[in-house]
Amino acid sequence: EDPAEVARVLLENQGQWTPASWREADGTWICDGSHSFRNPENHFAL
């Protein structure tokens, strides 16, 4: 019924992960998400 409100709520909550901060490191975009394969600090990172 209210796509703008649903969009706002979806962007505020963003599913099952807490929003991560993204940055570029040596031309590669990585994040600080504790469950992300794209966080090089995680032991399971790609």
ModelCIF file with pLDDT and N, C-alpha, C, O atoms, coordinates in Angstrom:
data_MODEL
#
_entry.id   MODEL 
#
_entity.id                         1 
_entity.type                       polymer 
_entity.pdbx_number_of_molecules   1 
#
_entity_poly.entity_id                      1 
_entity_poly.type                           'polypeptide(L)' 
_entity_poly.nstd_linkage                   no 
_entity_poly.nstd_monomer                   no 
_entity_poly.pdbx_seq_one_letter_code       EDPAEVARVLLENQGQWTPASWREADGTWICDGSHSFRNPENHFAL 
_entity_poly.pdbx_seq_one_letter_code_can   EDPAEVARVLLENQGQWTPASWREADGTWICDGSHSFRNPENHFAL 
_entity_poly.pdbx_strand_id                 A 
#
loop_
_entity_poly_seq.entity_id 
_entity_poly_seq.num 
_entity_poly_seq.mon_id 
_entity_poly_seq.hetero 
1 1  GLU n 
1 2  ASP n 
1 3  PRO n 
1 4  ALA n 
1 5  GLU n 
1 6  VAL n 
1 7  ALA n 
1 8  ARG n 
1 9  VAL n 
1 10 LEU n 
1 11 LEU n 
1 12 GLU n 
1 13 ASN n 
1 14 GLN n 
1 15 GLY n 
1 16 GLN n 
1 17 TRP n 
1 18 THR n 
1 19 PRO n 
1 20 ALA n 
1 21 SER n 
1 22 TRP n 
1 23 ARG n 
1 24 GLU n 
1 25 ALA n 
1 26 ASP n 
1 27 GLY n 
1 28 THR n 
1 29 TRP n 
1 30 ILE n 
1 31 CYS n 
1 32 ASP n 
1 33 GLY n 
1 34 SER n 
1 35 HIS n 
1 36 SER n 
1 37 PHE n 
1 38 ARG n 
1 39 ASN n 
1 40 PRO n 
1 41 GLU n 
1 42 ASN n 
1 43 HIS n 
1 44 PHE n 
1 45 ALA n 
1 46 LEU n 
#
_struct_asym.id          A 
_struct_asym.entity_id   1 
#
loop_
_ma_qa_metric.id 
_ma_qa_metric.mode 
_ma_qa_metric.name 
_ma_qa_metric.software_group_id 
_ma_qa_metric.type 
1 global pLDDT . pLDDT 
2 local  pLDDT . pLDDT 
#
_ma_qa_metric_global.metric_id      1 
_ma_qa_metric_global.metric_value   91.93 
_ma_qa_metric_global.model_id       1 
_ma_qa_metric_global.ordinal_id     1 
#
loop_
_ma_qa_metric_local.label_asym_id 
_ma_qa_metric_local.label_comp_id 
_ma_qa_metric_local.label_seq_id 
_ma_qa_metric_local.metric_id 
_ma_qa_metric_local.metric_value 
_ma_qa_metric_local.model_id 
_ma_qa_metric_local.ordinal_id 
A GLU 1  2 95.00 1 1  
A ASP 2  2 98.00 1 2  
A PRO 3  2 98.00 1 3  
A ALA 4  2 98.00 1 4  
A GLU 5  2 97.00 1 5  
A VAL 6  2 97.00 1 6  
A ALA 7  2 97.00 1 7  
A ARG 8  2 96.00 1 8  
A VAL 9  2 95.00 1 9  
A LEU 10 2 94.00 1 10 
A LEU 11 2 94.00 1 11 
A GLU 12 2 91.00 1 12 
A ASN 13 2 88.00 1 13 
A GLN 14 2 84.00 1 14 
A GLY 15 2 71.00 1 15 
A GLN 16 2 77.00 1 16 
A TRP 17 2 77.00 1 17 
A THR 18 2 78.00 1 18 
A PRO 19 2 81.00 1 19 
A ALA 20 2 92.00 1 20 
A SER 21 2 95.00 1 21 
A TRP 22 2 95.00 1 22 
A ARG 23 2 95.00 1 23 
A GLU 24 2 93.00 1 24 
A ALA 25 2 91.00 1 25 
A ASP 26 2 88.00 1 26 
A GLY 27 2 89.00 1 27 
A THR 28 2 94.00 1 28 
A TRP 29 2 94.00 1 29 
A ILE 30 2 95.00 1 30 
A CYS 31 2 95.00 1 31 
A ASP 32 2 94.00 1 32 
A GLY 33 2 92.00 1 33 
A SER 34 2 90.00 1 34 
A HIS 35 2 91.00 1 35 
A SER 36 2 93.00 1 36 
A PHE 37 2 95.00 1 37 
A ARG 38 2 94.00 1 38 
A ASN 39 2 95.00 1 39 
A PRO 40 2 94.00 1 40 
A GLU 41 2 94.00 1 41 
A ASN 42 2 94.00 1 42 
A HIS 43 2 95.00 1 43 
A PHE 44 2 96.00 1 44 
A ALA 45 2 95.00 1 45 
A LEU 46 2 95.00 1 46 
#
loop_
_atom_site.group_PDB 
_atom_site.id 
_atom_site.type_symbol 
_atom_site.label_atom_id 
_atom_site.label_alt_id 
_atom_site.label_comp_id 
_atom_site.label_asym_id 
_atom_site.label_entity_id 
_atom_site.label_seq_id 
_atom_site.pdbx_PDB_ins_code 
_atom_site.Cartn_x 
_atom_site.Cartn_y 
_atom_site.Cartn_z 
_atom_site.occupancy 
_atom_site.B_iso_or_equiv 
_atom_site.pdbx_formal_charge 
_atom_site.auth_seq_id 
_atom_site.auth_comp_id 
_atom_site.auth_asym_id 
_atom_site.auth_atom_id 
_atom_site.pdbx_PDB_model_num 
ATOM 1   N N  . GLU A 1 1  ? 0.805  -1.217  0.000  1.00 95.00 ? 1  GLU A N  1 
ATOM 2   C CA . GLU A 1 1  ? 0.000  0.000   0.000  1.00 95.00 ? 1  GLU A CA 1 
ATOM 3   C C  . GLU A 1 1  ? 0.838  1.266   0.000  1.00 95.00 ? 1  GLU A C  1 
ATOM 4   O O  . GLU A 1 1  ? 0.457  2.261   -0.618 1.00 95.00 ? 1  GLU A O  1 
ATOM 5   N N  . ASP A 1 2  ? 1.967  1.243   0.680  1.00 98.00 ? 2  ASP A N  1 
ATOM 6   C CA . ASP A 1 2  ? 2.792  2.449   0.793  1.00 98.00 ? 2  ASP A CA 1 
ATOM 7   C C  . ASP A 1 2  ? 4.246  2.095   0.457  1.00 98.00 ? 2  ASP A C  1 
ATOM 8   O O  . ASP A 1 2  ? 5.055  1.870   1.358  1.00 98.00 ? 2  ASP A O  1 
ATOM 9   N N  . PRO A 1 3  ? 4.576  2.047   -0.840 1.00 98.00 ? 3  PRO A N  1 
ATOM 10  C CA . PRO A 1 3  ? 5.933  1.642   -1.233 1.00 98.00 ? 3  PRO A CA 1 
ATOM 11  C C  . PRO A 1 3  ? 7.033  2.511   -0.623 1.00 98.00 ? 3  PRO A C  1 
ATOM 12  O O  . PRO A 1 3  ? 8.108  2.006   -0.301 1.00 98.00 ? 3  PRO A O  1 
ATOM 13  N N  . ALA A 1 4  ? 6.778  3.796   -0.463 1.00 98.00 ? 4  ALA A N  1 
ATOM 14  C CA . ALA A 1 4  ? 7.800  4.678   0.116  1.00 98.00 ? 4  ALA A CA 1 
ATOM 15  C C  . ALA A 1 4  ? 8.095  4.302   1.560  1.00 98.00 ? 4  ALA A C  1 
ATOM 16  O O  . ALA A 1 4  ? 9.253  4.301   1.978  1.00 98.00 ? 4  ALA A O  1 
ATOM 17  N N  . GLU A 1 5  ? 7.063  3.985   2.319  1.00 97.00 ? 5  GLU A N  1 
ATOM 18  C CA . GLU A 1 5  ? 7.254  3.584   3.717  1.00 97.00 ? 5  GLU A CA 1 
ATOM 19  C C  . GLU A 1 5  ? 7.944  2.224   3.803  1.00 97.00 ? 5  GLU A C  1 
ATOM 20  O O  . GLU A 1 5  ? 8.839  2.031   4.625  1.00 97.00 ? 5  GLU A O  1 
ATOM 21  N N  . VAL A 1 6  ? 7.534  1.295   2.965  1.00 97.00 ? 6  VAL A N  1 
ATOM 22  C CA . VAL A 1 6  ? 8.170  -0.027  2.959  1.00 97.00 ? 6  VAL A CA 1 
ATOM 23  C C  . VAL A 1 6  ? 9.645  0.108   2.575  1.00 97.00 ? 6  VAL A C  1 
ATOM 24  O O  . VAL A 1 6  ? 10.501 -0.538  3.178  1.00 97.00 ? 6  VAL A O  1 
ATOM 25  N N  . ALA A 1 7  ? 9.943  0.935   1.585  1.00 97.00 ? 7  ALA A N  1 
ATOM 26  C CA . ALA A 1 7  ? 11.340 1.155   1.185  1.00 97.00 ? 7  ALA A CA 1 
ATOM 27  C C  . ALA A 1 7  ? 12.147 1.730   2.345  1.00 97.00 ? 7  ALA A C  1 
ATOM 28  O O  . ALA A 1 7  ? 13.272 1.300   2.600  1.00 97.00 ? 7  ALA A O  1 
ATOM 29  N N  . ARG A 1 8  ? 11.569 2.702   3.046  1.00 96.00 ? 8  ARG A N  1 
ATOM 30  C CA . ARG A 1 8  ? 12.258 3.309   4.190  1.00 96.00 ? 8  ARG A CA 1 
ATOM 31  C C  . ARG A 1 8  ? 12.567 2.258   5.255  1.00 96.00 ? 8  ARG A C  1 
ATOM 32  O O  . ARG A 1 8  ? 13.685 2.197   5.766  1.00 96.00 ? 8  ARG A O  1 
ATOM 33  N N  . VAL A 1 9  ? 11.578 1.435   5.587  1.00 95.00 ? 9  VAL A N  1 
ATOM 34  C CA . VAL A 1 9  ? 11.766 0.400   6.608  1.00 95.00 ? 9  VAL A CA 1 
ATOM 35  C C  . VAL A 1 9  ? 12.802 -0.630  6.151  1.00 95.00 ? 9  VAL A C  1 
ATOM 36  O O  . VAL A 1 9  ? 13.663 -1.031  6.934  1.00 95.00 ? 9  VAL A O  1 
ATOM 37  N N  . LEU A 1 10 ? 12.723 -1.054  4.899  1.00 94.00 ? 10 LEU A N  1 
ATOM 38  C CA . LEU A 1 10 ? 13.692 -2.023  4.387  1.00 94.00 ? 10 LEU A CA 1 
ATOM 39  C C  . LEU A 1 10 ? 15.116 -1.479  4.448  1.00 94.00 ? 10 LEU A C  1 
ATOM 40  O O  . LEU A 1 10 ? 16.041 -2.198  4.826  1.00 94.00 ? 10 LEU A O  1 
ATOM 41  N N  . LEU A 1 11 ? 15.293 -0.231  4.081  1.00 94.00 ? 11 LEU A N  1 
ATOM 42  C CA . LEU A 1 11 ? 16.638 0.355   4.095  1.00 94.00 ? 11 LEU A CA 1 
ATOM 43  C C  . LEU A 1 11 ? 17.145 0.577   5.514  1.00 94.00 ? 11 LEU A C  1 
ATOM 44  O O  . LEU A 1 11 ? 18.347 0.485   5.765  1.00 94.00 ? 11 LEU A O  1 
ATOM 45  N N  . GLU A 1 12 ? 16.245 0.869   6.438  1.00 91.00 ? 12 GLU A N  1 
ATOM 46  C CA . GLU A 1 12 ? 16.667 1.046   7.832  1.00 91.00 ? 12 GLU A CA 1 
ATOM 47  C C  . GLU A 1 12 ? 17.085 -0.274  8.463  1.00 91.00 ? 12 GLU A C  1 
ATOM 48  O O  . GLU A 1 12 ? 18.026 -0.312  9.256  1.00 91.00 ? 12 GLU A O  1 
ATOM 49  N N  . ASN A 1 13 ? 16.393 -1.357  8.120  1.00 88.00 ? 13 ASN A N  1 
ATOM 50  C CA . ASN A 1 13 ? 16.643 -2.648  8.772  1.00 88.00 ? 13 ASN A CA 1 
ATOM 51  C C  . ASN A 1 13 ? 17.579 -3.556  7.993  1.00 88.00 ? 13 ASN A C  1 
ATOM 52  O O  . ASN A 1 13 ? 18.349 -4.298  8.604  1.00 88.00 ? 13 ASN A O  1 
ATOM 53  N N  . GLN A 1 14 ? 17.540 -3.525  6.690  1.00 84.00 ? 14 GLN A N  1 
ATOM 54  C CA . GLN A 1 14 ? 18.440 -4.272  5.812  1.00 84.00 ? 14 GLN A CA 1 
ATOM 55  C C  . GLN A 1 14 ? 18.622 -5.738  6.179  1.00 84.00 ? 14 GLN A C  1 
ATOM 56  O O  . GLN A 1 14 ? 19.749 -6.231  6.227  1.00 84.00 ? 14 GLN A O  1 
ATOM 57  N N  . GLY A 1 15 ? 17.555 -6.416  6.431  1.00 71.00 ? 15 GLY A N  1 
ATOM 58  C CA . GLY A 1 15 ? 17.606 -7.864  6.574  1.00 71.00 ? 15 GLY A CA 1 
ATOM 59  C C  . GLY A 1 15 ? 18.307 -8.373  7.808  1.00 71.00 ? 15 GLY A C  1 
ATOM 60  O O  . GLY A 1 15 ? 18.220 -7.767  8.876  1.00 71.00 ? 15 GLY A O  1 
ATOM 61  N N  . GLN A 1 16 ? 18.997 -9.480  7.667  1.00 77.00 ? 16 GLN A N  1 
ATOM 62  C CA . GLN A 1 16 ? 19.530 -10.182 8.833  1.00 77.00 ? 16 GLN A CA 1 
ATOM 63  C C  . GLN A 1 16 ? 20.887 -9.682  9.316  1.00 77.00 ? 16 GLN A C  1 
ATOM 64  O O  . GLN A 1 16 ? 21.330 -10.066 10.399 1.00 77.00 ? 16 GLN A O  1 
ATOM 65  N N  . TRP A 1 17 ? 21.547 -8.843  8.545  1.00 77.00 ? 17 TRP A N  1 
ATOM 66  C CA . TRP A 1 17 ? 22.856 -8.337  8.971  1.00 77.00 ? 17 TRP A CA 1 
ATOM 67  C C  . TRP A 1 17 ? 22.733 -6.886  9.384  1.00 77.00 ? 17 TRP A C  1 
ATOM 68  O O  . TRP A 1 17 ? 21.859 -6.157  8.915  1.00 77.00 ? 17 TRP A O  1 
ATOM 69  N N  . THR A 1 18 ? 23.613 -6.489  10.260 1.00 78.00 ? 18 THR A N  1 
ATOM 70  C CA . THR A 1 18 ? 23.687 -5.067  10.558 1.00 78.00 ? 18 THR A CA 1 
ATOM 71  C C  . THR A 1 18 ? 24.382 -4.401  9.373  1.00 78.00 ? 18 THR A C  1 
ATOM 72  O O  . THR A 1 18 ? 25.257 -5.000  8.749  1.00 78.00 ? 18 THR A O  1 
ATOM 73  N N  . PRO A 1 19 ? 23.995 -3.167  9.064  1.00 81.00 ? 19 PRO A N  1 
ATOM 74  C CA . PRO A 1 19 ? 24.648 -2.489  7.943  1.00 81.00 ? 19 PRO A CA 1 
ATOM 75  C C  . PRO A 1 19 ? 26.159 -2.399  8.154  1.00 81.00 ? 19 PRO A C  1 
ATOM 76  O O  . PRO A 1 19 ? 26.629 -2.103  9.252  1.00 81.00 ? 19 PRO A O  1 
ATOM 77  N N  . ALA A 1 20 ? 26.888 -2.653  7.113  1.00 92.00 ? 20 ALA A N  1 
ATOM 78  C CA . ALA A 1 20 ? 28.348 -2.642  7.165  1.00 92.00 ? 20 ALA A CA 1 
ATOM 79  C C  . ALA A 1 20 ? 28.893 -1.369  6.534  1.00 92.00 ? 20 ALA A C  1 
ATOM 80  O O  . ALA A 1 20 ? 28.236 -0.730  5.712  1.00 92.00 ? 20 ALA A O  1 
ATOM 81  N N  . SER A 1 21 ? 30.077 -1.026  6.928  1.00 95.00 ? 21 SER A N  1 
ATOM 82  C CA . SER A 1 21 ? 30.793 0.081   6.289  1.00 95.00 ? 21 SER A CA 1 
ATOM 83  C C  . SER A 1 21 ? 31.671 -0.501  5.196  1.00 95.00 ? 21 SER A C  1 
ATOM 84  O O  . SER A 1 21 ? 32.363 -1.497  5.405  1.00 95.00 ? 21 SER A O  1 
ATOM 85  N N  . TRP A 1 22 ? 31.638 0.125   4.037  1.00 95.00 ? 22 TRP A N  1 
ATOM 86  C CA . TRP A 1 22 ? 32.408 -0.325  2.876  1.00 95.00 ? 22 TRP A CA 1 
ATOM 87  C C  . TRP A 1 22 ? 33.529 0.658   2.606  1.00 95.00 ? 22 TRP A C  1 
ATOM 88  O O  . TRP A 1 22 ? 33.381 1.864   2.803  1.00 95.00 ? 22 TRP A O  1 
ATOM 89  N N  . ARG A 1 23 ? 34.662 0.119   2.148  1.00 95.00 ? 23 ARG A N  1 
ATOM 90  C CA . ARG A 1 23 ? 35.798 0.975   1.779  1.00 95.00 ? 23 ARG A CA 1 
ATOM 91  C C  . ARG A 1 23 ? 36.603 0.269   0.699  1.00 95.00 ? 23 ARG A C  1 
ATOM 92  O O  . ARG A 1 23 ? 36.522 -0.945  0.515  1.00 95.00 ? 23 ARG A O  1 
ATOM 93  N N  . GLU A 1 24 ? 37.368 1.067   0.006  1.00 93.00 ? 24 GLU A N  1 
ATOM 94  C CA . GLU A 1 24 ? 38.236 0.516   -1.033 1.00 93.00 ? 24 GLU A CA 1 
ATOM 95  C C  . GLU A 1 24 ? 39.629 0.300   -0.453 1.00 93.00 ? 24 GLU A C  1 
ATOM 96  O O  . GLU A 1 24 ? 40.185 1.186   0.196  1.00 93.00 ? 24 GLU A O  1 
ATOM 97  N N  . ALA A 1 25 ? 40.179 -0.866  -0.689 1.00 91.00 ? 25 ALA A N  1 
ATOM 98  C CA . ALA A 1 25 ? 41.531 -1.193  -0.251 1.00 91.00 ? 25 ALA A CA 1 
ATOM 99  C C  . ALA A 1 25 ? 42.253 -1.844  -1.433 1.00 91.00 ? 25 ALA A C  1 
ATOM 100 O O  . ALA A 1 25 ? 41.899 -2.945  -1.856 1.00 91.00 ? 25 ALA A O  1 
ATOM 101 N N  . ASP A 1 26 ? 43.242 -1.169  -1.948 1.00 88.00 ? 26 ASP A N  1 
ATOM 102 C CA . ASP A 1 26 ? 44.015 -1.680  -3.085 1.00 88.00 ? 26 ASP A CA 1 
ATOM 103 C C  . ASP A 1 26 ? 43.131 -2.015  -4.277 1.00 88.00 ? 26 ASP A C  1 
ATOM 104 O O  . ASP A 1 26 ? 43.341 -3.025  -4.948 1.00 88.00 ? 26 ASP A O  1 
ATOM 105 N N  . GLY A 1 27 ? 42.138 -1.163  -4.542 1.00 89.00 ? 27 GLY A N  1 
ATOM 106 C CA . GLY A 1 27 ? 41.265 -1.349  -5.691 1.00 89.00 ? 27 GLY A CA 1 
ATOM 107 C C  . GLY A 1 27 ? 40.153 -2.357  -5.490 1.00 89.00 ? 27 GLY A C  1 
ATOM 108 O O  . GLY A 1 27 ? 39.411 -2.654  -6.426 1.00 89.00 ? 27 GLY A O  1 
ATOM 109 N N  . THR A 1 28 ? 40.026 -2.887  -4.287 1.00 94.00 ? 28 THR A N  1 
ATOM 110 C CA . THR A 1 28 ? 39.003 -3.886  -3.975 1.00 94.00 ? 28 THR A CA 1 
ATOM 111 C C  . THR A 1 28 ? 38.064 -3.330  -2.920 1.00 94.00 ? 28 THR A C  1 
ATOM 112 O O  . THR A 1 28 ? 38.508 -2.764  -1.922 1.00 94.00 ? 28 THR A O  1 
ATOM 113 N N  . TRP A 1 29 ? 36.752 -3.494  -3.142 1.00 94.00 ? 29 TRP A N  1 
ATOM 114 C CA . TRP A 1 29 ? 35.772 -3.044  -2.155 1.00 94.00 ? 29 TRP A CA 1 
ATOM 115 C C  . TRP A 1 29 ? 35.556 -4.139  -1.129 1.00 94.00 ? 29 TRP A C  1 
ATOM 116 O O  . TRP A 1 29 ? 35.208 -5.272  -1.462 1.00 94.00 ? 29 TRP A O  1 
ATOM 117 N N  . ILE A 1 30 ? 35.773 -3.770  0.139  1.00 95.00 ? 30 ILE A N  1 
ATOM 118 C CA . ILE A 1 30 ? 35.614 -4.689  1.254  1.00 95.00 ? 30 ILE A CA 1 
ATOM 119 C C  . ILE A 1 30 ? 34.715 -4.037  2.300  1.00 95.00 ? 30 ILE A C  1 
ATOM 120 O O  . ILE A 1 30 ? 34.483 -2.828  2.284  1.00 95.00 ? 30 ILE A O  1 
ATOM 121 N N  . CYS A 1 31 ? 34.216 -4.875  3.211  1.00 95.00 ? 31 CYS A N  1 
ATOM 122 C CA . CYS A 1 31 ? 33.368 -4.328  4.264  1.00 95.00 ? 31 CYS A CA 1 
ATOM 123 C C  . CYS A 1 31 ? 33.830 -4.833  5.626  1.00 95.00 ? 31 CYS A C  1 
ATOM 124 O O  . CYS A 1 31 ? 34.701 -5.696  5.733  1.00 95.00 ? 31 CYS A O  1 
ATOM 125 N N  . ASP A 1 32 ? 33.218 -4.266  6.661  1.00 94.00 ? 32 ASP A N  1 
ATOM 126 C CA . ASP A 1 32 ? 33.571 -4.674  8.013  1.00 94.00 ? 32 ASP A CA 1 
ATOM 127 C C  . ASP A 1 32 ? 32.530 -5.601  8.632  1.00 94.00 ? 32 ASP A C  1 
ATOM 128 O O  . ASP A 1 32 ? 32.510 -5.788  9.848  1.00 94.00 ? 32 ASP A O  1 
ATOM 129 N N  . GLY A 1 33 ? 31.665 -6.183  7.802  1.00 92.00 ? 33 GLY A N  1 
ATOM 130 C CA . GLY A 1 33 ? 30.635 -7.090  8.306  1.00 92.00 ? 33 GLY A CA 1 
ATOM 131 C C  . GLY A 1 33 ? 31.249 -8.325  8.950  1.00 92.00 ? 33 GLY A C  1 
ATOM 132 O O  . GLY A 1 33 ? 32.110 -8.980  8.362  1.00 92.00 ? 33 GLY A O  1 
ATOM 133 N N  . SER A 1 34 ? 30.803 -8.635  10.154 1.00 90.00 ? 34 SER A N  1 
ATOM 134 C CA . SER A 1 34 ? 31.407 -9.753  10.885 1.00 90.00 ? 34 SER A CA 1 
ATOM 135 C C  . SER A 1 34 ? 31.054 -11.116 10.294 1.00 90.00 ? 34 SER A C  1 
ATOM 136 O O  . SER A 1 34 ? 31.672 -12.118 10.655 1.00 90.00 ? 34 SER A O  1 
ATOM 137 N N  . HIS A 1 35 ? 30.074 -11.174 9.393  1.00 91.00 ? 35 HIS A N  1 
ATOM 138 C CA . HIS A 1 35 ? 29.699 -12.435 8.765  1.00 91.00 ? 35 HIS A CA 1 
ATOM 139 C C  . HIS A 1 35 ? 29.899 -12.409 7.252  1.00 91.00 ? 35 HIS A C  1 
ATOM 140 O O  . HIS A 1 35 ? 29.365 -13.259 6.539  1.00 91.00 ? 35 HIS A O  1 
ATOM 141 N N  . SER A 1 36 ? 30.667 -11.437 6.761  1.00 93.00 ? 36 SER A N  1 
ATOM 142 C CA . SER A 1 36 ? 30.811 -11.263 5.316  1.00 93.00 ? 36 SER A CA 1 
ATOM 143 C C  . SER A 1 36 ? 32.066 -11.948 4.784  1.00 93.00 ? 36 SER A C  1 
ATOM 144 O O  . SER A 1 36 ? 33.147 -11.865 5.367  1.00 93.00 ? 36 SER A O  1 
ATOM 145 N N  . PHE A 1 37 ? 31.879 -12.623 3.660  1.00 95.00 ? 37 PHE A N  1 
ATOM 146 C CA . PHE A 1 37 ? 33.023 -13.191 2.945  1.00 95.00 ? 37 PHE A CA 1 
ATOM 147 C C  . PHE A 1 37 ? 33.902 -12.091 2.371  1.00 95.00 ? 37 PHE A C  1 
ATOM 148 O O  . PHE A 1 37 ? 35.038 -12.346 1.973  1.00 95.00 ? 37 PHE A O  1 
ATOM 149 N N  . ARG A 1 38 ? 33.383 -10.875 2.325  1.00 94.00 ? 38 ARG A N  1 
ATOM 150 C CA . ARG A 1 38 ? 34.128 -9.751  1.750  1.00 94.00 ? 38 ARG A CA 1 
ATOM 151 C C  . ARG A 1 38 ? 34.835 -8.912  2.815  1.00 94.00 ? 38 ARG A C  1 
ATOM 152 O O  . ARG A 1 38 ? 35.285 -7.802  2.530  1.00 94.00 ? 38 ARG A O  1 
ATOM 153 N N  . ASN A 1 39 ? 34.934 -9.426  4.019  1.00 95.00 ? 39 ASN A N  1 
ATOM 154 C CA . ASN A 1 39 ? 35.694 -8.784  5.090  1.00 95.00 ? 39 ASN A CA 1 
ATOM 155 C C  . ASN A 1 39 ? 36.985 -9.575  5.276  1.00 95.00 ? 39 ASN A C  1 
ATOM 156 O O  . ASN A 1 39 ? 36.963 -10.680 5.818  1.00 95.00 ? 39 ASN A O  1 
ATOM 157 N N  . PRO A 1 40 ? 38.119 -9.010  4.825  1.00 94.00 ? 40 PRO A N  1 
ATOM 158 C CA . PRO A 1 40 ? 39.380 -9.769  4.902  1.00 94.00 ? 40 PRO A CA 1 
ATOM 159 C C  . PRO A 1 40 ? 39.816 -10.106 6.324  1.00 94.00 ? 40 PRO A C  1 
ATOM 160 O O  . PRO A 1 40 ? 40.704 -10.937 6.513  1.00 94.00 ? 40 PRO A O  1 
ATOM 161 N N  . GLU A 1 41 ? 39.212 -9.484  7.316  1.00 94.00 ? 41 GLU A N  1 
ATOM 162 C CA . GLU A 1 41 ? 39.555 -9.790  8.713  1.00 94.00 ? 41 GLU A CA 1 
ATOM 163 C C  . GLU A 1 41 ? 38.921 -11.102 9.178  1.00 94.00 ? 41 GLU A C  1 
ATOM 164 O O  . GLU A 1 41 ? 39.357 -11.681 10.173 1.00 94.00 ? 41 GLU A O  1 
ATOM 165 N N  . ASN A 1 42 ? 37.901 -11.571 8.471  1.00 94.00 ? 42 ASN A N  1 
ATOM 166 C CA . ASN A 1 42 ? 37.250 -12.828 8.851  1.00 94.00 ? 42 ASN A CA 1 
ATOM 167 C C  . ASN A 1 42 ? 38.097 -14.018 8.414  1.00 94.00 ? 42 ASN A C  1 
ATOM 168 O O  . ASN A 1 42 ? 38.680 -13.997 7.329  1.00 94.00 ? 42 ASN A O  1 
ATOM 169 N N  . HIS A 1 43 ? 38.171 -15.042 9.237  1.00 95.00 ? 43 HIS A N  1 
ATOM 170 C CA . HIS A 1 43 ? 38.993 -16.214 8.910  1.00 95.00 ? 43 HIS A CA 1 
ATOM 171 C C  . HIS A 1 43 ? 38.453 -16.968 7.688  1.00 95.00 ? 43 HIS A C  1 
ATOM 172 O O  . HIS A 1 43 ? 39.179 -17.750 7.075  1.00 95.00 ? 43 HIS A O  1 
ATOM 173 N N  . PHE A 1 44 ? 37.202 -16.741 7.339  1.00 96.00 ? 44 PHE A N  1 
ATOM 174 C CA . PHE A 1 44 ? 36.579 -17.420 6.200  1.00 96.00 ? 44 PHE A CA 1 
ATOM 175 C C  . PHE A 1 44 ? 36.464 -16.504 4.975  1.00 96.00 ? 44 PHE A C  1 
ATOM 176 O O  . PHE A 1 44 ? 35.771 -16.838 4.013  1.00 96.00 ? 44 PHE A O  1 
ATOM 177 N N  . ALA A 1 45 ? 37.136 -15.362 5.010  1.00 95.00 ? 45 ALA A N  1 
ATOM 178 C CA . ALA A 1 45 ? 37.048 -14.403 3.899  1.00 95.00 ? 45 ALA A CA 1 
ATOM 179 C C  . ALA A 1 45 ? 37.552 -15.016 2.595  1.00 95.00 ? 45 ALA A C  1 
ATOM 180 O O  . ALA A 1 45 ? 38.402 -15.906 2.590  1.00 95.00 ? 45 ALA A O  1 
ATOM 181 N N  . LEU A 1 46 ? 37.012 -14.521 1.512  1.00 95.00 ? 46 LEU A N  1 
ATOM 182 C CA . LEU A 1 46 ? 37.491 -14.953 0.197  1.00 95.00 ? 46 LEU A CA 1 
ATOM 183 C C  . LEU A 1 46 ? 38.923 -14.474 -0.016 1.00 95.00 ? 46 LEU A C  1 
ATOM 184 O O  . LEU A 1 46 ? 39.511 -14.735 -1.066 1.00 95.00 ? 46 LEU A O  1 
#
